[in-house]
Amino acid sequence: MDVNVVCTDDNYFFRLGISKVIEEALLSDAEVKFLSGFDSHNLRQADFILINVSQWRLYMCQPAYRERKPGSIILVFYR
């Protein structure tokens, strides 16, 4: 089972760390796959949506979130 993730942060170490957290939380050998691009097409496929932004740049009102996959999880990280 693959777990699709959309992430606003391109930092390799952040992505590696969060992929290990997701794998451990699901208690499975699921492969975490990062989708490229933060658009409505990828949001429809994502199981996890990771937003890493400054407090003043919260993207919670984007219309694309209306098209997200039912049951997907949005995680917001503040810098």
C-alpha atoms as a PDB file:
ATOM      1  CA  MET A   1       0.000   0.000   0.000  1.00  0.00           C
ATOM      2  CA  ASP A   2       1.393   3.393  -0.990  1.00  0.00           C
ATOM      3  CA  VAL A   3       0.709   6.515   1.026  1.00  0.00           C
ATOM      4  CA  ASN A   4       0.536   9.622  -1.157  1.00  0.00           C
ATOM      5  CA  VAL A   5       1.749  12.862   0.409  1.00  0.00           C
ATOM      6  CA  VAL A   6       1.637  16.454  -0.823  1.00  0.00           C
ATOM      7  CA  CYS A   7       4.087  18.738   0.966  1.00  0.00           C
ATOM      8  CA  THR A   8       4.772  22.468   0.641  1.00  0.00           C
ATOM      9  CA  ASP A   9       8.311  22.081   2.003  1.00  0.00           C
ATOM     10  CA  ASP A  10      11.116  20.956  -0.315  1.00  0.00           C
ATOM     11  CA  ASN A  11      13.551  20.312   2.556  1.00  0.00           C
ATOM     12  CA  TYR A  12      14.905  16.775   2.151  1.00  0.00           C
ATOM     13  CA  PHE A  13      15.407  16.182   5.869  1.00  0.00           C
ATOM     14  CA  PHE A  14      11.892  17.383   6.748  1.00  0.00           C
ATOM     15  CA  ARG A  15      10.413  15.031   4.134  1.00  0.00           C
ATOM     16  CA  LEU A  16      12.564  12.096   5.252  1.00  0.00           C
ATOM     17  CA  GLY A  17      11.633  12.627   8.890  1.00  0.00           C
ATOM     18  CA  ILE A  18       7.924  13.026   8.252  1.00  0.00           C
ATOM     19  CA  SER A  19       7.882   9.949   5.999  1.00  0.00           C
ATOM     20  CA  LYS A  20       9.331   7.887   8.870  1.00  0.00           C
ATOM     21  CA  VAL A  21       6.738   9.327  11.278  1.00  0.00           C
ATOM     22  CA  ILE A  22       3.930   8.365   8.875  1.00  0.00           C
ATOM     23  CA  GLU A  23       5.339   4.850   8.399  1.00  0.00           C
ATOM     24  CA  GLU A  24       5.593   4.318  12.163  1.00  0.00           C
ATOM     25  CA  ALA A  25       2.142   5.787  12.837  1.00  0.00           C
ATOM     26  CA  LEU A  26       0.526   3.443  10.316  1.00  0.00           C
ATOM     27  CA  LEU A  27       2.482   0.451  11.693  1.00  0.00           C
ATOM     28  CA  SER A  28       2.984  -0.927   8.228  1.00  0.00           C
ATOM     29  CA  ASP A  29       5.553  -1.253   5.499  1.00  0.00           C
ATOM     30  CA  ALA A  30       3.698   1.319   3.426  1.00  0.00           C
ATOM     31  CA  GLU A  31       5.839   3.273   1.014  1.00  0.00           C
ATOM     32  CA  VAL A  32       5.476   7.028   1.429  1.00  0.00           C
ATOM     33  CA  LYS A  33       5.353   8.679  -1.981  1.00  0.00           C
ATOM     34  CA  PHE A  34       5.665  12.466  -2.276  1.00  0.00           C
ATOM     35  CA  LEU A  35       3.613  13.914  -5.116  1.00  0.00           C
ATOM     36  CA  SER A  36       5.183  16.800  -7.003  1.00  0.00           C
ATOM     37  CA  GLY A  37       3.266  20.056  -7.078  1.00  0.00           C
ATOM     38  CA  PHE A  38       0.667  21.559  -4.791  1.00  0.00           C
ATOM     39  CA  ASP A  39      -2.321  21.612  -7.136  1.00  0.00           C
ATOM     40  CA  SER A  40      -5.889  20.322  -7.096  1.00  0.00           C
ATOM     41  CA  HIS A  41      -4.959  17.195  -9.102  1.00  0.00           C
ATOM     42  CA  ASN A  42      -2.400  16.074  -6.509  1.00  0.00           C
ATOM     43  CA  LEU A  43      -4.648  17.100  -3.608  1.00  0.00           C
ATOM     44  CA  ARG A  44      -7.293  14.674  -4.953  1.00  0.00           C
ATOM     45  CA  GLN A  45      -4.763  11.818  -4.704  1.00  0.00           C
ATOM     46  CA  ALA A  46      -3.047  12.723  -1.427  1.00  0.00           C
ATOM     47  CA  ASP A  47      -3.647  10.795   1.785  1.00  0.00           C
ATOM     48  CA  PHE A  48      -1.681  13.406   3.759  1.00  0.00           C
ATOM     49  CA  ILE A  49      -1.386  17.115   3.001  1.00  0.00           C
ATOM     50  CA  LEU A  50       1.553  18.726   4.801  1.00  0.00           C
ATOM     51  CA  ILE A  51       1.691  22.501   4.998  1.00  0.00           C
ATOM     52  CA  ASN A  52       4.875  24.029   6.394  1.00  0.00           C
ATOM     53  CA  VAL A  53       4.462  27.806   6.472  1.00  0.00           C
ATOM     54  CA  SER A  54       5.087  30.911   8.514  1.00  0.00           C
ATOM     55  CA  GLN A  55       2.218  31.849  10.784  1.00  0.00           C
ATOM     56  CA  TRP A  56       1.157  34.723   8.560  1.00  0.00           C
ATOM     57  CA  ARG A  57       0.998  32.618   5.399  1.00  0.00           C
ATOM     58  CA  LEU A  58      -1.594  30.007   6.279  1.00  0.00           C
ATOM     59  CA  TYR A  59      -3.155  28.534   3.147  1.00  0.00           C
ATOM     60  CA  MET A  60      -6.295  27.093   4.727  1.00  0.00           C
ATOM     61  CA  CYS A  61      -8.762  29.010   2.532  1.00  0.00           C
ATOM     62  CA  GLN A  62      -7.497  27.761  -0.833  1.00  0.00           C
ATOM     63  CA  PRO A  63     -10.354  26.579  -3.068  1.00  0.00           C
ATOM     64  CA  ALA A  64      -8.260  23.529  -4.050  1.00  0.00           C
ATOM     65  CA  TYR A  65      -8.879  22.009  -0.597  1.00  0.00           C
ATOM     66  CA  ARG A  66     -12.526  21.513  -1.520  1.00  0.00           C
ATOM     67  CA  GLU A  67     -11.356  18.971  -4.098  1.00  0.00           C
ATOM     68  CA  ARG A  68      -9.152  17.001  -1.701  1.00  0.00           C
ATOM     69  CA  LYS A  69      -9.528  13.258  -1.248  1.00  0.00           C
ATOM     70  CA  PRO A  70     -12.267  12.352   1.265  1.00  0.00           C
ATOM     71  CA  GLY A  71     -10.665  11.224   4.517  1.00  0.00           C
ATOM     72  CA  SER A  72      -7.294  12.802   3.781  1.00  0.00           C
ATOM     73  CA  ILE A  73      -5.394  14.373   6.662  1.00  0.00           C
ATOM     74  CA  ILE A  74      -4.143  17.969   6.697  1.00  0.00           C
ATOM     75  CA  LEU A  75      -1.151  18.680   8.954  1.00  0.00           C
ATOM     76  CA  VAL A  76       0.074  22.254   9.413  1.00  0.00           C
ATOM     77  CA  PHE A  77       3.574  23.009  10.721  1.00  0.00           C
ATOM     78  CA  TYR A  78       4.484  26.554  11.769  1.00  0.00           C
ATOM     79  CA  ARG A  79       8.023  27.855  11.444  1.00  0.00           C
END
